């Protein structure tokens, strides 16, 4: 089965309301996709609110340099989870994250 990398619809925003909305959107997407019985993997900057049966979730909440250093290790770990899809949350638009977005 083909694996797909999919970014969440928008980057994290610093305001709590926007971050909470994005977290809910990411969780909803993971829940809907896993409801089909397919294994889903998520690389996000926040832990999930609840566990999902077919979802492997990595909380990669790091400063930009550490996130960049661990990015490919996290993606390899998610790929080894034998998932059908990998969802990657977009990183902030802040210039400190430019190197991560270029990868």
Foldseek 3Di string as FASTA:
>chain_A
DDEEEAEQPDAQDPDPVSNVVSLVSVVVVCQVVCVVVFAEEEEECDDHPDDHDRYHYDNQNDQQVVCQVCVVVSVVVRVVVVTRYYYYYDHDPDPSNVVVVVD
